[in-house]
Amino acid sequence: MAMLPYADVDFSLRALAGRAEGFGRFAIGGLHGLLYHVTNLADDGPGSLREGCRRKEPLWIVFDVSGTIQLSSYLNVSSYKTIDGRGQRVKLTGKGLRLKECEHIIICNLEFEGGRGHDVDGIQIKPNSRHIWIDRCSLRDYDDGLIDITRQSTDITVSRCYFTNHDKTMLIGADPSHVGDRCIRVTIHHCFFDGTRQRQPRVRFGKVHLYNNYTRNWGIYAVCASVESQAADKEEKISGLIKSEGDEFLNGAQPCLLTEVGEESVFHPSIYYPTWTMEAPGDSLKDVLQICTGWQSIPRPTELTIIA
């Protein structure tokens, strides 16, 4: 049976900090901050998620309640925050999270559904944000993207997430004119894209490492690299490059790669980080990803204490 990474991060509350694989590996979230308890499902006010996210000091945010938080506007997350949904079932709807000019953010074990309005994403990362880890979240049915990473945001990992019931799933890189996005670096691994039509992801500029993901019932395409992008794992000459190794194409799926492009044209992840968890493609990996991605019913880990 295939195994997912991070088998030990649920033994203690803050074991998530600094544990992401890939480009987001330095994200520590609110490791050095106090615990902040979300005690109600209000959009704002004392004890709300919004109140914790706006505070400037590092915080490890946990939930004492389950249910749906109806966001009337984007919820801005300030630097050095962990939003830890383990132990409860919390869904964000209406709008989404916005990570703007911030760093060291961890978002874990939440649901995002039903975001409405122009340019409304589940998680919008722009501009100039870095050291971010999005892990074990379920995302569906937003009017724009589920996760968008643009405007010079970089060093990000998206792992163990479940994406479904959506069209333009994940955009990396804003538009062809924004050359500043050449700095973008993203790792996407052990995610399940289930009935998402396109953009798993679409990349402009930047470097993206994808491994051990499962894309099922896609509509237009799975992965698209354009405008100087590099995806290591549809490619147009003079625009983006994809290197595909060990992938399994089923039910008529085709790689659509340009064979004349040299391997030296695409970055190798080992230049940036030494190890990552790899499993061979096949039924075992598909079974695990269908069960173990997205929000999980797991208890909140306890805080470790040191007695001297």
Protein backbone atom coordinates (compact mmCIF):
# COMPACT_ATOMS: atom_id res chain seq x y z
CA MET A 1 0.00 0.00 0.00
CA ALA A 2 1.32 3.42 -0.91
CA MET A 3 2.04 5.78 1.97
CA LEU A 4 1.57 9.51 2.26
CA PRO A 5 4.32 11.70 3.72
CA TYR A 6 4.05 13.46 7.09
CA ALA A 7 3.09 10.37 9.08
CA ASP A 8 4.38 11.91 12.30
CA VAL A 9 3.12 15.50 12.14
CA ASP A 10 -0.09 14.73 14.05
CA PHE A 11 1.65 13.47 17.20
CA SER A 12 2.08 16.99 18.58
CA LEU A 13 0.36 20.26 17.75
CA ARG A 14 3.27 22.23 16.33
CA ALA A 15 5.05 19.37 14.59
CA LEU A 16 3.80 20.81 11.27
CA ALA A 17 6.19 23.74 11.51
CA GLY A 18 9.06 23.52 9.03
CA ARG A 19 8.00 20.06 7.84
CA ALA A 20 6.64 20.68 4.34
CA GLU A 21 8.32 18.92 1.47
CA GLY A 22 9.49 21.04 -1.43
CA PHE A 23 9.65 24.77 -1.91
CA GLY A 24 7.51 25.56 1.14
CA ARG A 25 9.76 23.61 3.50
CA PHE A 26 10.80 26.65 5.55
CA ALA A 27 7.22 27.66 6.48
CA ILE A 28 6.94 27.67 10.28
CA GLY A 29 3.60 29.42 10.65
CA GLY A 30 2.94 30.51 14.23
CA LEU A 31 5.50 28.16 15.76
CA HIS A 32 6.83 30.70 18.26
CA GLY A 33 3.50 32.31 19.08
CA LEU A 34 0.71 31.76 21.56
CA LEU A 35 -2.32 29.56 20.96
CA TYR A 36 -5.33 31.50 19.69
CA HIS A 37 -8.69 29.74 20.11
CA VAL A 38 -11.49 30.39 17.62
CA THR A 39 -14.53 30.17 19.89
CA ASN A 40 -17.33 31.12 17.48
CA LEU A 41 -18.28 31.10 13.79
CA ALA A 42 -18.81 34.85 13.44
CA ASP A 43 -17.29 36.67 10.50
CA ASP A 44 -15.55 39.13 12.84
CA GLY A 45 -15.22 40.13 16.46
CA PRO A 46 -13.67 38.62 19.61
CA GLY A 47 -12.91 34.93 19.29
CA SER A 48 -13.40 34.91 15.50
CA LEU A 49 -10.99 33.54 12.92
CA ARG A 50 -10.70 36.99 11.33
CA GLU A 51 -9.64 38.52 14.64
CA GLY A 52 -6.83 35.98 15.01
CA CYS A 53 -5.63 36.35 11.42
CA ARG A 54 -5.37 40.14 11.60
CA ARG A 55 -3.21 40.22 14.72
CA LYS A 56 0.41 41.09 13.99
CA GLU A 57 2.10 38.73 16.44
CA PRO A 58 2.82 35.03 15.65
CA LEU A 59 -0.17 32.80 16.52
CA TRP A 60 -1.05 29.13 16.29
CA ILE A 61 -4.79 29.31 15.57
CA VAL A 62 -7.00 26.35 16.58
CA PHE A 63 -10.77 25.88 16.60
CA ASP A 64 -12.99 25.08 19.57
CA VAL A 65 -16.09 24.88 17.34
CA SER A 66 -17.14 23.17 14.13
CA GLY A 67 -19.36 24.64 11.43
CA THR A 68 -19.45 27.12 8.57
CA ILE A 69 -17.94 30.61 8.61
CA GLN A 70 -19.73 32.87 6.14
CA LEU A 71 -17.16 35.42 4.99
CA SER A 72 -18.55 38.73 3.75
CA SER A 73 -15.13 39.81 2.44
CA TYR A 74 -11.69 38.31 1.90
CA LEU A 75 -10.08 37.24 5.16
CA ASN A 76 -6.56 38.69 5.19
CA VAL A 77 -3.90 36.59 6.93
CA SER A 78 -0.90 38.33 8.48
CA SER A 79 2.59 36.83 8.78
CA TYR A 80 3.57 33.99 11.11
CA LYS A 81 0.16 32.34 11.41
CA THR A 82 -0.90 28.71 11.47
CA ILE A 83 -4.60 28.11 10.81
CA ASP A 84 -4.98 24.58 12.16
CA GLY A 85 -8.34 22.91 11.58
CA ARG A 86 -7.46 19.57 13.13
CA GLY A 87 -9.98 18.43 15.73
CA GLN A 88 -12.95 20.26 14.20
CA ARG A 89 -14.74 20.50 10.85
CA VAL A 90 -14.64 24.12 9.69
CA LYS A 91 -15.82 25.32 6.29
CA LEU A 92 -15.16 28.77 4.83
CA THR A 93 -17.71 30.05 2.31
CA GLY A 94 -18.77 33.28 0.62
CA LYS A 95 -15.21 34.54 0.14
CA GLY A 96 -11.76 33.08 0.82
CA LEU A 97 -8.40 33.67 2.43
CA ARG A 98 -6.05 36.34 1.10
CA LEU A 99 -2.32 36.07 1.75
CA LYS A 100 -0.99 39.51 0.87
CA GLU A 101 2.63 40.56 1.46
CA CYS A 102 3.02 38.02 4.24
CA GLU A 103 5.33 35.15 5.10
CA HIS A 104 5.42 31.94 7.11
CA ILE A 105 1.83 30.77 6.81
CA ILE A 106 0.53 27.22 7.37
CA ILE A 107 -3.10 26.37 6.48
CA CYS A 108 -4.19 22.87 7.47
CA ASN A 109 -7.35 20.73 7.46
CA LEU A 110 -10.01 23.23 6.36
CA GLU A 111 -12.82 23.15 3.80
CA PHE A 112 -13.45 25.89 1.23
CA GLU A 113 -16.72 25.90 -0.70
CA GLY A 114 -19.03 28.31 -2.50
CA GLY A 115 -16.99 31.49 -2.92
CA ARG A 116 -18.96 34.10 -4.87
CA GLY A 117 -17.99 37.29 -6.66
CA HIS A 118 -15.53 38.66 -9.21
CA ASP A 119 -11.94 37.49 -8.63
CA VAL A 120 -12.96 35.42 -5.59
CA ASP A 121 -10.54 32.54 -4.95
CA GLY A 122 -10.51 29.98 -2.17
CA ILE A 123 -6.95 30.93 -1.26
CA GLN A 124 -5.45 33.94 -3.03
CA ILE A 125 -1.71 34.39 -2.62
CA LYS A 126 -0.54 37.78 -3.90
CA PRO A 127 1.57 39.86 -3.93
CA ASN A 128 5.05 39.22 -2.53
CA SER A 129 4.16 36.40 -0.13
CA ARG A 130 6.49 33.52 0.67
CA HIS A 131 7.14 30.47 2.85
CA ILE A 132 3.61 29.05 2.70
CA TRP A 133 2.30 25.51 3.22
CA ILE A 134 -1.30 24.53 2.35
CA ASP A 135 -1.92 20.99 3.57
CA ARG A 136 -4.87 18.60 3.72
CA CYS A 137 -7.58 21.06 2.65
CA SER A 138 -10.74 20.44 0.59
CA LEU A 139 -11.61 23.08 -2.01
CA ARG A 140 -14.56 23.32 -4.42
CA ASP A 141 -16.93 25.60 -6.31
CA TYR A 142 -15.49 29.13 -6.31
CA ASP A 143 -16.30 31.75 -8.92
CA ASP A 144 -12.63 32.21 -9.85
CA GLY A 145 -9.81 29.91 -8.72
CA LEU A 146 -9.42 27.49 -5.85
CA ILE A 147 -5.79 28.47 -5.23
CA ASP A 148 -4.11 31.31 -7.13
CA ILE A 149 -0.39 32.07 -6.67
CA THR A 150 0.69 35.25 -8.44
CA ARG A 151 2.54 38.59 -8.25
CA GLN A 152 5.95 37.42 -7.10
CA SER A 153 4.73 35.05 -4.38
CA THR A 154 7.08 32.11 -3.96
CA ASP A 155 8.41 29.18 -1.91
CA ILE A 156 5.04 27.47 -1.53
CA THR A 157 3.95 23.85 -1.05
CA VAL A 158 0.43 22.50 -1.67
CA SER A 159 0.06 18.95 -0.38
CA ARG A 160 -2.59 16.31 0.39
CA CYS A 161 -5.39 18.61 -0.87
CA TYR A 162 -8.66 17.57 -2.53
CA PHE A 163 -9.98 19.67 -5.42
CA THR A 164 -13.39 19.03 -7.00
CA ASN A 165 -16.44 20.57 -8.72
CA HIS A 166 -14.52 23.44 -10.30
CA ASP A 167 -13.36 24.88 -13.62
CA LYS A 168 -10.17 26.98 -13.38
CA THR A 169 -8.57 25.20 -10.47
CA MET A 170 -5.10 26.62 -9.81
CA LEU A 171 -3.30 29.50 -11.49
CA ILE A 172 0.41 30.08 -10.94
CA GLY A 173 1.70 33.32 -12.48
CA ALA A 174 -0.54 36.31 -13.10
CA ASP A 175 -0.40 37.17 -16.81
CA PRO A 176 2.08 37.28 -19.71
CA SER A 177 3.11 40.87 -18.93
CA HIS A 178 4.09 40.25 -15.30
CA VAL A 179 7.72 39.18 -15.71
CA GLY A 180 8.30 39.54 -11.96
CA ASP A 181 6.63 36.15 -11.59
CA ARG A 182 9.83 34.53 -12.84
CA CYS A 183 10.74 34.17 -9.16
CA ILE A 184 7.78 31.88 -8.37
CA ARG A 185 8.62 28.40 -7.01
CA VAL A 186 5.84 25.97 -6.05
CA THR A 187 5.65 22.28 -5.11
CA ILE A 188 2.35 20.38 -5.56
CA HIS A 189 2.31 16.81 -4.32
CA HIS A 190 -0.02 14.04 -3.18
CA CYS A 191 -3.11 15.99 -4.27
CA PHE A 192 -6.34 14.64 -5.80
CA PHE A 193 -7.95 16.64 -8.61
CA ASP A 194 -11.39 15.06 -9.02
CA GLY A 195 -13.57 16.40 -11.81
CA THR A 196 -11.78 19.72 -12.07
CA ARG A 197 -11.92 20.95 -15.65
CA GLN A 198 -8.55 22.63 -16.14
CA ARG A 199 -5.54 24.29 -14.47
CA GLN A 200 -4.12 21.48 -12.39
CA PRO A 201 -2.22 23.83 -12.52
CA ARG A 202 -1.74 26.41 -15.29
CA VAL A 203 1.69 28.01 -14.96
CA ARG A 204 3.08 31.28 -16.32
CA PHE A 205 6.73 31.95 -15.54
CA GLY A 206 8.16 30.30 -12.42
CA LYS A 207 9.17 26.76 -11.53
CA VAL A 208 6.70 24.09 -10.39
CA HIS A 209 7.49 20.59 -9.13
CA LEU A 210 4.58 18.13 -9.26
CA TYR A 211 4.70 14.55 -7.99
CA ASN A 212 2.34 11.78 -6.89
CA ASN A 213 -0.82 13.67 -7.84
CA TYR A 214 -3.97 12.03 -9.22
CA THR A 215 -6.11 13.89 -11.79
CA ARG A 216 -9.43 12.22 -12.67
CA ASN A 217 -12.23 13.28 -15.04
CA TRP A 218 -10.54 16.49 -16.17
CA GLY A 219 -12.19 18.40 -18.99
CA ILE A 220 -9.84 20.50 -21.15
CA TYR A 221 -6.35 19.66 -19.84
CA ALA A 222 -4.58 18.62 -16.66
CA VAL A 223 -1.34 20.66 -16.58
CA CYS A 224 -0.44 23.58 -18.83
CA ALA A 225 2.91 25.38 -18.87
CA SER A 226 3.07 28.69 -20.73
CA VAL A 227 5.08 31.92 -20.88
CA GLU A 228 8.57 30.81 -19.84
CA SER A 229 7.31 28.46 -17.13
CA GLN A 230 9.03 25.22 -16.16
CA ALA A 231 7.11 22.27 -14.75
CA ALA A 232 9.19 19.31 -13.70
CA ASP A 233 7.24 16.17 -13.68
CA LYS A 234 1.05 20.57 -22.83
CA GLU A 235 3.65 22.58 -23.67
CA GLU A 236 4.05 25.10 -26.40
CA LYS A 237 7.32 25.84 -28.08
CA ILE A 238 8.66 29.31 -27.17
CA SER A 239 6.41 29.42 -24.13
CA GLY A 240 6.47 26.84 -21.31
CA LEU A 241 8.31 23.57 -20.69
CA ILE A 242 7.27 20.35 -18.94
CA LYS A 243 9.47 17.40 -18.13
CA SER A 244 7.37 14.30 -17.43
CA GLU A 245 8.88 11.23 -15.76
CA GLY A 246 7.15 8.02 -14.66
CA ASP A 247 3.62 9.33 -15.18
CA GLU A 248 0.72 6.99 -15.91
CA PHE A 249 -1.66 8.14 -18.66
CA LEU A 250 -5.01 6.33 -18.65
CA ASN A 251 -8.22 6.37 -20.70
CA GLY A 252 -6.67 8.08 -23.69
CA ALA A 253 -4.79 10.85 -21.86
CA GLN A 254 -1.76 12.05 -23.82
CA PRO A 255 1.40 13.83 -22.60
CA CYS A 256 1.57 16.37 -25.50
CA LEU A 257 5.27 17.12 -24.93
CA LEU A 258 7.85 18.50 -27.35
CA THR A 259 10.50 15.81 -27.75
CA GLU A 260 13.10 18.12 -29.29
CA VAL A 261 13.45 20.27 -26.16
CA GLY A 262 16.59 19.30 -24.25
CA GLU A 263 16.43 18.16 -20.62
CA GLU A 264 18.79 20.95 -19.67
CA SER A 265 15.98 23.42 -20.43
CA VAL A 266 13.95 22.30 -17.37
CA PHE A 267 15.10 22.72 -13.79
CA HIS A 268 15.67 19.70 -11.55
CA PRO A 269 14.14 19.90 -8.05
CA SER A 270 17.30 18.48 -6.44
CA ILE A 271 18.99 21.82 -7.14
CA TYR A 272 16.68 23.33 -4.53
CA TYR A 273 15.93 20.54 -2.02
CA PRO A 274 17.50 17.10 -1.54
CA THR A 275 14.59 14.72 -0.90
CA TRP A 276 10.88 14.21 -1.42
CA THR A 277 8.48 11.29 -0.92
CA MET A 278 7.89 9.34 -4.12
CA GLU A 279 5.58 6.41 -4.83
CA ALA A 280 5.20 4.51 -8.09
CA PRO A 281 2.02 5.38 -10.03
CA GLY A 282 -0.69 2.75 -9.86
CA ASP A 283 -3.85 1.62 -8.10
CA SER A 284 -2.28 1.67 -4.65
CA LEU A 285 -1.38 5.34 -4.90
CA LYS A 286 -4.78 6.22 -6.41
CA ASP A 287 -6.57 4.45 -3.54
CA VAL A 288 -4.60 6.30 -0.89
CA LEU A 289 -5.10 9.70 -2.53
CA GLN A 290 -8.86 9.18 -2.77
CA ILE A 291 -9.08 8.42 0.95
CA CYS A 292 -6.41 10.57 2.57
CA THR A 293 -6.54 13.92 0.77
CA GLY A 294 -8.59 16.89 1.86
CA TRP A 295 -10.19 17.55 5.24
CA GLN A 296 -9.74 14.64 7.65
CA SER A 297 -11.63 13.70 10.82
CA ILE A 298 -8.64 13.61 13.15
CA PRO A 299 -8.26 14.84 16.74
CA ARG A 300 -6.38 18.00 17.53
CA PRO A 301 -2.88 17.02 18.69
CA THR A 302 -1.83 18.10 22.14
CA GLU A 303 0.90 20.58 22.97
CA LEU A 304 4.15 19.01 24.12
CA THR A 305 5.39 20.30 27.46
CA ILE A 306 8.92 20.22 28.80
CA ILE A 307 9.46 19.66 32.53
CA ALA A 308 12.97 20.35 33.78
